[in-house]
Amino acid sequence: EKNINLNVALKLGKLIKNNCKDVSIVYTRDKDTFVGLDRRAQIANDAKADLFISIHTNSVARGRTVRGTETYTLGLHRTEDNLEENAVILIESDYKQRYAGFNPNSSESYIIFEFLQDKNMEKSVQLATLIQRQFKSTAKRIDKGVHQAGFLVLRETTMPGVLVELGYIST
């Protein structure tokens, strides 16, 4: 699975680089190394990325046959949890610099934070929909749709993002 995901990520990066000259690509990994989920999000955040794409391959238990691709965006069910978790920020000594002035005690900060989450969610859903259309029309894959989930890499990144399940390695 890790080899498939890496090869697809590198090919996608090359495709983007060849067709979008003004776009810079930042990989969370570009060789066979393990990068933890939280570190992947941190790499994207530190790079101040405009977009986050996480590439994965699904699997199911032996004896089952499932085919198709699906793309995930951050789920609405996480928005409230994310806001509640932010009070922990105040414990960090450098929270004003680290979180660009976000103050969990300020109503204005929450309004801005919710606005950014909504804006990112809308863009994420648009991208996920385009990805699924291409899987179906160009790659002739079964379209399992766009879904929402609270995956850590989507929850912890500060830009629009998607998690793409390329298909089922077990099938």
C-alpha atoms as a PDB file:
ATOM      1  CA  GLU A   1       0.000   0.000   0.000  1.00  0.00           C
ATOM      2  CA  LYS A   2       2.718   2.476   0.937  1.00  0.00           C
ATOM      3  CA  ASN A   3       4.424   1.948  -2.437  1.00  0.00           C
ATOM      4  CA  ILE A   4       1.201   2.476  -4.391  1.00  0.00           C
ATOM      5  CA  ASN A   5       0.387   5.641  -2.448  1.00  0.00           C
ATOM      6  CA  LEU A   6       3.898   7.050  -2.865  1.00  0.00           C
ATOM      7  CA  ASN A   7       4.003   6.291  -6.604  1.00  0.00           C
ATOM      8  CA  VAL A   8       0.609   7.924  -7.159  1.00  0.00           C
ATOM      9  CA  ALA A   9       1.626  10.980  -5.102  1.00  0.00           C
ATOM     10  CA  LEU A  10       4.855  11.410  -7.072  1.00  0.00           C
ATOM     11  CA  LYS A  11       3.058  11.001 -10.416  1.00  0.00           C
ATOM     12  CA  LEU A  12       0.346  13.461  -9.356  1.00  0.00           C
ATOM     13  CA  GLY A  13       3.021  15.926  -8.268  1.00  0.00           C
ATOM     14  CA  LYS A  14       4.780  15.592 -11.624  1.00  0.00           C
ATOM     15  CA  LEU A  15       1.490  16.063 -13.474  1.00  0.00           C
ATOM     16  CA  ILE A  16       0.705  19.201 -11.481  1.00  0.00           C
ATOM     17  CA  LYS A  17       4.236  20.555 -11.948  1.00  0.00           C
ATOM     18  CA  ASN A  18       4.084  19.991 -15.731  1.00  0.00           C
ATOM     19  CA  ASN A  19       0.647  21.591 -16.129  1.00  0.00           C
ATOM     20  CA  CYS A  20       0.644  24.293 -13.465  1.00  0.00           C
ATOM     21  CA  LYS A  21       4.027  26.031 -13.656  1.00  0.00           C
ATOM     22  CA  ASP A  22       3.194  28.502 -10.879  1.00  0.00           C
ATOM     23  CA  VAL A  23       2.288  25.788  -8.337  1.00  0.00           C
ATOM     24  CA  SER A  24       4.848  24.565  -5.812  1.00  0.00           C
ATOM     25  CA  ILE A  25       4.567  20.992  -4.589  1.00  0.00           C
ATOM     26  CA  VAL A  26       5.441  20.078  -1.000  1.00  0.00           C
ATOM     27  CA  TYR A  27       5.431  16.362  -0.299  1.00  0.00           C
ATOM     28  CA  THR A  28       5.005  14.935   3.163  1.00  0.00           C
ATOM     29  CA  ARG A  29       7.340  12.226   1.851  1.00  0.00           C
ATOM     30  CA  ASP A  30       9.063  11.683  -1.476  1.00  0.00           C
ATOM     31  CA  LYS A  31      10.789   8.390  -0.670  1.00  0.00           C
ATOM     32  CA  ASP A  32      10.005   5.221   1.263  1.00  0.00           C
ATOM     33  CA  THR A  33       9.918   6.656   4.782  1.00  0.00           C
ATOM     34  CA  PHE A  34       7.177   6.688   7.382  1.00  0.00           C
ATOM     35  CA  VAL A  35       5.708  10.050   8.360  1.00  0.00           C
ATOM     36  CA  GLY A  36       3.202  10.160  11.217  1.00  0.00           C
ATOM     37  CA  LEU A  37      -0.240  11.625  10.636  1.00  0.00           C
ATOM     38  CA  ASP A  38       0.319  14.629  12.886  1.00  0.00           C
ATOM     39  CA  ARG A  39       3.648  15.335  11.181  1.00  0.00           C
ATOM     40  CA  ARG A  40       1.953  15.264   7.752  1.00  0.00           C
ATOM     41  CA  ALA A  41      -0.464  17.966   8.861  1.00  0.00           C
ATOM     42  CA  GLN A  42       2.388  19.943  10.426  1.00  0.00           C
ATOM     43  CA  ILE A  43       4.384  19.854   7.168  1.00  0.00           C
ATOM     44  CA  ALA A  44       1.411  21.288   5.270  1.00  0.00           C
ATOM     45  CA  ASN A  45       0.743  23.927   7.921  1.00  0.00           C
ATOM     46  CA  ASP A  46       4.409  24.947   8.167  1.00  0.00           C
ATOM     47  CA  ALA A  47       4.552  25.323   4.378  1.00  0.00           C
ATOM     48  CA  LYS A  48       1.430  27.516   4.546  1.00  0.00           C
ATOM     49  CA  ALA A  49      -0.006  25.294   1.839  1.00  0.00           C
ATOM     50  CA  ASP A  50      -3.067  26.376  -0.107  1.00  0.00           C
ATOM     51  CA  LEU A  51      -4.294  22.798  -0.502  1.00  0.00           C
ATOM     52  CA  PHE A  52      -3.728  19.428   1.185  1.00  0.00           C
ATOM     53  CA  ILE A  53      -4.171  16.131  -0.647  1.00  0.00           C
ATOM     54  CA  SER A  54      -3.739  12.883   1.293  1.00  0.00           C
ATOM     55  CA  ILE A  55      -3.516   9.729  -0.827  1.00  0.00           C
ATOM     56  CA  HIS A  56      -4.524   6.318   0.538  1.00  0.00           C
ATOM     57  CA  THR A  57      -5.539   2.849  -0.575  1.00  0.00           C
ATOM     58  CA  ASN A  58      -8.497   1.061   1.022  1.00  0.00           C
ATOM     59  CA  SER A  59      -8.791  -2.621   1.898  1.00  0.00           C
ATOM     60  CA  VAL A  60     -11.408  -5.019   3.215  1.00  0.00           C
ATOM     61  CA  ALA A  61     -11.250  -8.398   4.926  1.00  0.00           C
ATOM     62  CA  ARG A  62     -10.491 -11.511   2.893  1.00  0.00           C
ATOM     63  CA  GLY A  63     -13.382 -13.010   1.059  1.00  0.00           C
ATOM     64  CA  ARG A  64     -15.060  -9.670   0.419  1.00  0.00           C
ATOM     65  CA  THR A  65     -15.016  -7.932  -2.926  1.00  0.00           C
ATOM     66  CA  VAL A  66     -15.358  -4.179  -2.957  1.00  0.00           C
ATOM     67  CA  ARG A  67     -14.354  -1.825  -5.749  1.00  0.00           C
ATOM     68  CA  GLY A  68     -14.367   1.909  -6.222  1.00  0.00           C
ATOM     69  CA  THR A  69     -12.856   5.186  -5.185  1.00  0.00           C
ATOM     70  CA  GLU A  70     -13.994   7.662  -2.597  1.00  0.00           C
ATOM     71  CA  THR A  71     -12.814  11.050  -1.437  1.00  0.00           C
ATOM     72  CA  TYR A  72     -13.206  12.513   2.055  1.00  0.00           C
ATOM     73  CA  THR A  73     -13.388  16.038   3.410  1.00  0.00           C
ATOM     74  CA  LEU A  74     -13.484  17.195   7.023  1.00  0.00           C
ATOM     75  CA  GLY A  75     -16.885  16.369   8.473  1.00  0.00           C
ATOM     76  CA  LEU A  76     -19.235  18.885  10.000  1.00  0.00           C
ATOM     77  CA  HIS A  77     -19.442  16.709  13.093  1.00  0.00           C
ATOM     78  CA  ARG A  78     -15.864  17.703  13.894  1.00  0.00           C
ATOM     79  CA  THR A  79     -16.429  21.471  13.755  1.00  0.00           C
ATOM     80  CA  GLU A  80     -17.943  21.712  17.233  1.00  0.00           C
ATOM     81  CA  ASP A  81     -15.297  19.378  18.671  1.00  0.00           C
ATOM     82  CA  ASN A  82     -12.530  21.450  17.087  1.00  0.00           C
ATOM     83  CA  LEU A  83     -13.871  24.612  18.675  1.00  0.00           C
ATOM     84  CA  GLU A  84     -14.132  23.001  22.114  1.00  0.00           C
ATOM     85  CA  GLU A  85     -10.592  21.634  21.914  1.00  0.00           C
ATOM     86  CA  ASN A  86      -9.141  25.079  21.245  1.00  0.00           C
ATOM     87  CA  ALA A  87      -9.221  26.166  24.891  1.00  0.00           C
ATOM     88  CA  VAL A  88      -6.062  24.070  25.364  1.00  0.00           C
ATOM     89  CA  ILE A  89      -4.221  26.638  23.240  1.00  0.00           C
ATOM     90  CA  LEU A  90      -3.950  28.982  26.240  1.00  0.00           C
ATOM     91  CA  ILE A  91      -1.650  26.498  28.006  1.00  0.00           C
ATOM     92  CA  GLU A  92       0.997  26.955  25.324  1.00  0.00           C
ATOM     93  CA  SER A  93       3.403  29.800  26.160  1.00  0.00           C
ATOM     94  CA  ASP A  94       3.729  31.000  22.553  1.00  0.00           C
ATOM     95  CA  TYR A  95       0.079  30.620  21.534  1.00  0.00           C
ATOM     96  CA  LYS A  96      -0.254  34.230  20.289  1.00  0.00           C
ATOM     97  CA  GLN A  97       2.562  33.811  17.779  1.00  0.00           C
ATOM     98  CA  ARG A  98       1.873  30.162  16.990  1.00  0.00           C
ATOM     99  CA  TYR A  99      -1.841  30.611  16.305  1.00  0.00           C
ATOM    100  CA  ALA A 100      -1.678  34.032  14.633  1.00  0.00           C
ATOM    101  CA  GLY A 101      -3.597  35.860  17.348  1.00  0.00           C
ATOM    102  CA  PHE A 102      -6.374  33.281  17.786  1.00  0.00           C
ATOM    103  CA  ASN A 103      -7.785  33.695  21.290  1.00  0.00           C
ATOM    104  CA  PRO A 104     -10.144  30.928  22.450  1.00  0.00           C
ATOM    105  CA  ASN A 105     -11.711  33.360  24.949  1.00  0.00           C
ATOM    106  CA  SER A 106     -12.699  35.797  22.203  1.00  0.00           C
ATOM    107  CA  SER A 107     -16.033  35.536  20.379  1.00  0.00           C
ATOM    108  CA  GLU A 108     -14.465  37.291  17.402  1.00  0.00           C
ATOM    109  CA  SER A 109     -11.769  34.614  17.142  1.00  0.00           C
ATOM    110  CA  TYR A 110     -14.406  31.886  17.034  1.00  0.00           C
ATOM    111  CA  ILE A 111     -16.387  33.704  14.366  1.00  0.00           C
ATOM    112  CA  ILE A 112     -13.254  33.999  12.218  1.00  0.00           C
ATOM    113  CA  PHE A 113     -12.307  30.370  12.946  1.00  0.00           C
ATOM    114  CA  GLU A 114     -15.783  29.119  11.968  1.00  0.00           C
ATOM    115  CA  PHE A 115     -15.703  31.260   8.837  1.00  0.00           C
ATOM    116  CA  LEU A 116     -12.348  29.769   7.812  1.00  0.00           C
ATOM    117  CA  GLN A 117     -13.570  26.228   8.506  1.00  0.00           C
ATOM    118  CA  ASP A 118     -16.697  26.824   6.421  1.00  0.00           C
ATOM    119  CA  LYS A 119     -14.659  28.373   3.603  1.00  0.00           C
ATOM    120  CA  ASN A 120     -12.190  25.472   3.655  1.00  0.00           C
ATOM    121  CA  MET A 121     -15.009  22.936   3.779  1.00  0.00           C
ATOM    122  CA  GLU A 122     -16.712  24.413   0.731  1.00  0.00           C
ATOM    123  CA  LYS A 123     -13.477  24.362  -1.284  1.00  0.00           C
ATOM    124  CA  SER A 124     -12.661  20.852  -0.044  1.00  0.00           C
ATOM    125  CA  VAL A 125     -16.045  19.513  -1.137  1.00  0.00           C
ATOM    126  CA  GLN A 126     -15.658  21.163  -4.557  1.00  0.00           C
ATOM    127  CA  LEU A 127     -12.236  19.540  -5.050  1.00  0.00           C
ATOM    128  CA  ALA A 128     -13.449  16.152  -3.791  1.00  0.00           C
ATOM    129  CA  THR A 129     -16.355  16.286  -6.243  1.00  0.00           C
ATOM    130  CA  LEU A 130     -14.011  17.062  -9.148  1.00  0.00           C
ATOM    131  CA  ILE A 131     -11.690  14.218  -8.124  1.00  0.00           C
ATOM    132  CA  GLN A 132     -14.553  11.731  -8.013  1.00  0.00           C
ATOM    133  CA  ARG A 133     -15.840  12.902 -11.417  1.00  0.00           C
ATOM    134  CA  GLN A 134     -12.404  12.269 -12.917  1.00  0.00           C
ATOM    135  CA  PHE A 135     -12.144   8.822 -11.339  1.00  0.00           C
ATOM    136  CA  LYS A 136     -15.499   7.950 -12.883  1.00  0.00           C
ATOM    137  CA  SER A 137     -15.186   9.548 -16.326  1.00  0.00           C
ATOM    138  CA  THR A 138     -11.466   9.307 -17.074  1.00  0.00           C
ATOM    139  CA  ALA A 139     -10.270   6.329 -15.035  1.00  0.00           C
ATOM    140  CA  LYS A 140     -13.591   4.429 -15.372  1.00  0.00           C
ATOM    141  CA  ARG A 141     -13.583   3.619 -11.662  1.00  0.00           C
ATOM    142  CA  ILE A 142     -16.658   2.949  -9.582  1.00  0.00           C
ATOM    143  CA  ASP A 143     -17.614   6.197  -7.853  1.00  0.00           C
ATOM    144  CA  LYS A 144     -18.242   5.560  -4.153  1.00  0.00           C
ATOM    145  CA  GLY A 145     -18.778   9.263  -3.624  1.00  0.00           C
ATOM    146  CA  VAL A 146     -17.645  12.163  -1.501  1.00  0.00           C
ATOM    147  CA  HIS A 147     -17.885  11.661   2.247  1.00  0.00           C
ATOM    148  CA  GLN A 148     -17.119  13.600   5.395  1.00  0.00           C
ATOM    149  CA  ALA A 149     -14.983  12.273   8.227  1.00  0.00           C
ATOM    150  CA  GLY A 150     -12.858  13.524  11.090  1.00  0.00           C
ATOM    151  CA  PHE A 151      -9.551  12.068   9.871  1.00  0.00           C
ATOM    152  CA  LEU A 152      -6.635  13.612  11.756  1.00  0.00           C
ATOM    153  CA  VAL A 153      -4.832  14.863   8.629  1.00  0.00           C
ATOM    154  CA  LEU A 154      -7.964  16.763   7.597  1.00  0.00           C
ATOM    155  CA  ARG A 155      -8.780  17.938  11.096  1.00  0.00           C
ATOM    156  CA  GLU A 156      -5.279  19.251  11.828  1.00  0.00           C
ATOM    157  CA  THR A 157      -4.557  21.080   8.566  1.00  0.00           C
ATOM    158  CA  THR A 158      -5.442  24.743   8.209  1.00  0.00           C
ATOM    159  CA  MET A 159      -6.242  24.750   4.500  1.00  0.00           C
ATOM    160  CA  PRO A 160      -8.779  23.074   2.224  1.00  0.00           C
ATOM    161  CA  GLY A 161      -7.980  19.385   2.041  1.00  0.00           C
ATOM    162  CA  VAL A 162      -9.093  15.987   0.831  1.00  0.00           C
ATOM    163  CA  LEU A 163      -8.240  12.397   1.639  1.00  0.00           C
ATOM    164  CA  VAL A 164      -8.457  10.219  -1.469  1.00  0.00           C
ATOM    165  CA  GLU A 165      -9.001   6.462  -1.311  1.00  0.00           C
ATOM    166  CA  LEU A 166      -7.671   5.255  -4.684  1.00  0.00           C
ATOM    167  CA  GLY A 167      -9.409   1.900  -4.555  1.00  0.00           C
ATOM    168  CA  TYR A 168      -9.176  -1.398  -2.698  1.00  0.00           C
ATOM    169  CA  ILE A 169      -5.780  -3.090  -2.596  1.00  0.00           C
ATOM    170  CA  SER A 170      -7.518  -6.227  -1.290  1.00  0.00           C
ATOM    171  CA  THR A 171      -9.629  -6.543  -4.444  1.00  0.00           C
END
